[in-house]
Amino acid sequence: MLYGQRVWVVRPVPKSEAAKLAEDLTQMTWCGCSGFEFAGFYLLNDSTSADGAQEYAIVRKANLKQVESVTFGWMSVKRALEYLQSLLDGSVELCNFKFQARPEQIQTPEEHGRCYLCM
């Protein structure tokens, strides 16, 4: 994780919307404070800038430990959906990173409001 001091506004994504999430992650550019909750994981934007490749830290919701880093901006929608499906079925190979998020870094839209990355 490049930005261990960031705060993210996390929106839940139902498992049934994996295809839409794959499309959104690969076809859209998100603010640096954007995150998604999906299948027991947080996908936290770790991009260097809004016009850079969309990089996401994959963080286990249960313990807030980073287990992967994925550049969705370089993937096809099909490949991103395959990755999300591997999170769902537990077949993805996860690593252990040093980064561990703090609970106060994960916020709802109401808690978050606006920050310098939202602009």
Protein backbone atom coordinates (compact mmCIF):
# COMPACT_ATOMS: atom_id res chain seq x y z
CA MET A 1 0.00 0.00 0.00
CA LEU A 2 1.45 3.31 -1.08
CA TYR A 3 -0.92 5.49 0.87
CA GLY A 4 -1.18 4.15 4.39
CA GLN A 5 -2.43 7.48 5.71
CA ARG A 6 -5.41 7.78 3.34
CA VAL A 7 -9.00 7.57 4.45
CA TRP A 8 -11.42 5.76 2.13
CA VAL A 9 -15.13 6.07 1.59
CA VAL A 10 -16.23 2.47 1.13
CA ARG A 11 -19.41 1.44 -0.63
CA PRO A 12 -20.75 -2.09 -0.29
CA VAL A 13 -21.14 -4.07 -3.50
CA PRO A 14 -23.37 -7.17 -3.38
CA LYS A 15 -21.84 -10.39 -4.69
CA SER A 16 -24.55 -10.44 -7.35
CA GLU A 17 -23.07 -7.25 -8.83
CA ALA A 18 -19.58 -8.63 -9.49
CA ALA A 19 -19.88 -7.99 -13.24
CA LYS A 20 -20.84 -4.35 -12.69
CA LEU A 21 -17.97 -3.89 -10.23
CA ALA A 22 -15.51 -5.41 -12.74
CA GLU A 23 -16.72 -2.95 -15.37
CA ASP A 24 -16.54 0.00 -12.97
CA LEU A 25 -13.02 -0.86 -11.80
CA THR A 26 -11.64 -1.23 -15.32
CA GLN A 27 -13.59 1.40 -17.25
CA MET A 28 -13.85 4.28 -14.79
CA THR A 29 -11.39 6.49 -12.95
CA TRP A 30 -12.18 6.79 -9.26
CA CYS A 31 -11.11 9.35 -6.66
CA GLY A 32 -8.12 8.34 -4.56
CA CYS A 33 -10.38 7.99 -1.53
CA SER A 34 -12.75 5.49 -3.20
CA GLY A 35 -13.17 1.98 -1.92
CA PHE A 36 -15.52 -0.95 -2.28
CA GLU A 37 -16.57 -3.70 0.11
CA PHE A 38 -16.94 -6.99 -1.75
CA ALA A 39 -16.96 -10.64 -0.66
CA GLY A 40 -15.35 -10.01 2.73
CA PHE A 41 -12.67 -7.70 1.34
CA TYR A 42 -12.12 -3.99 0.95
CA LEU A 43 -10.83 -2.84 -2.42
CA LEU A 44 -9.10 0.44 -1.56
CA ASN A 45 -7.90 2.83 -4.23
CA ASP A 46 -4.13 3.08 -3.97
CA SER A 47 -3.55 4.94 -7.25
CA THR A 48 -0.86 7.57 -7.42
CA SER A 49 -3.22 10.05 -9.11
CA ALA A 50 -6.65 10.27 -10.71
CA ASP A 51 -5.10 10.07 -14.17
CA GLY A 52 -2.87 7.12 -13.34
CA ALA A 53 -3.57 3.40 -13.54
CA GLN A 54 -6.32 2.35 -11.15
CA GLU A 55 -4.43 0.39 -8.47
CA TYR A 56 -6.28 -1.18 -5.54
CA ALA A 57 -5.08 -2.64 -2.27
CA ILE A 58 -7.10 -5.74 -1.43
CA VAL A 59 -7.64 -5.72 2.33
CA ARG A 60 -9.33 -8.49 4.32
CA LYS A 61 -12.34 -6.97 6.10
CA ALA A 62 -12.01 -9.25 9.14
CA ASN A 63 -8.56 -8.03 10.21
CA LEU A 64 -7.83 -5.07 7.89
CA LYS A 65 -4.63 -6.68 6.58
CA GLN A 66 -3.63 -6.13 2.98
CA VAL A 67 -3.46 -9.42 1.09
CA GLU A 68 -2.98 -8.27 -2.51
CA SER A 69 -2.45 -5.30 -4.79
CA VAL A 70 -4.25 -5.29 -8.14
CA THR A 71 -4.01 -2.85 -11.05
CA PHE A 72 -7.56 -3.03 -12.38
CA GLY A 73 -6.78 -0.18 -14.76
CA TRP A 74 -4.62 -2.56 -16.80
CA MET A 75 -7.19 -5.37 -16.93
CA SER A 76 -9.99 -6.19 -19.29
CA VAL A 77 -13.48 -6.37 -17.81
CA LYS A 78 -13.37 -10.15 -18.32
CA ARG A 79 -10.09 -10.53 -16.40
CA ALA A 80 -11.31 -8.27 -13.59
CA LEU A 81 -14.48 -10.35 -13.28
CA GLU A 82 -12.38 -13.53 -13.10
CA TYR A 83 -10.36 -11.97 -10.29
CA LEU A 84 -13.49 -10.94 -8.39
CA GLN A 85 -14.93 -14.43 -8.85
CA SER A 86 -11.73 -15.87 -7.36
CA LEU A 87 -12.31 -13.69 -4.28
CA LEU A 88 -15.85 -15.07 -4.08
CA ASP A 89 -14.89 -18.72 -4.37
CA GLY A 90 -11.68 -18.47 -2.33
CA SER A 91 -9.42 -19.65 -5.14
CA VAL A 92 -7.31 -16.49 -5.32
CA GLU A 93 -3.77 -16.78 -4.00
CA LEU A 94 -3.29 -14.12 -1.37
CA CYS A 95 -0.05 -12.68 -0.01
CA ASN A 96 0.84 -11.08 3.27
CA PHE A 97 1.71 -7.40 3.05
CA LYS A 98 2.96 -5.28 5.93
CA PHE A 99 0.13 -2.78 5.59
CA GLN A 100 -2.76 -2.98 8.00
CA ALA A 101 -5.53 -0.41 7.78
CA ARG A 102 -6.90 1.21 10.88
CA PRO A 103 -10.67 1.13 11.48
CA GLU A 104 -10.92 4.92 11.29
CA GLN A 105 -9.55 4.82 7.73
CA ILE A 106 -12.66 2.98 6.48
CA GLN A 107 -15.65 5.30 6.32
CA THR A 108 -19.21 5.33 5.05
CA PRO A 109 -20.21 8.08 2.60
CA GLU A 110 -21.95 9.90 5.47
CA GLU A 111 -18.85 9.78 7.68
CA HIS A 112 -16.51 10.76 4.89
CA GLY A 113 -18.16 13.84 3.48
CA ARG A 114 -15.53 15.39 1.15
CA CYS A 115 -11.74 15.38 1.25
CA TYR A 116 -8.95 16.74 -0.93
CA LEU A 117 -9.05 13.54 -3.02
CA CYS A 118 -12.77 13.97 -3.77
CA MET A 119 -12.20 17.23 -5.62
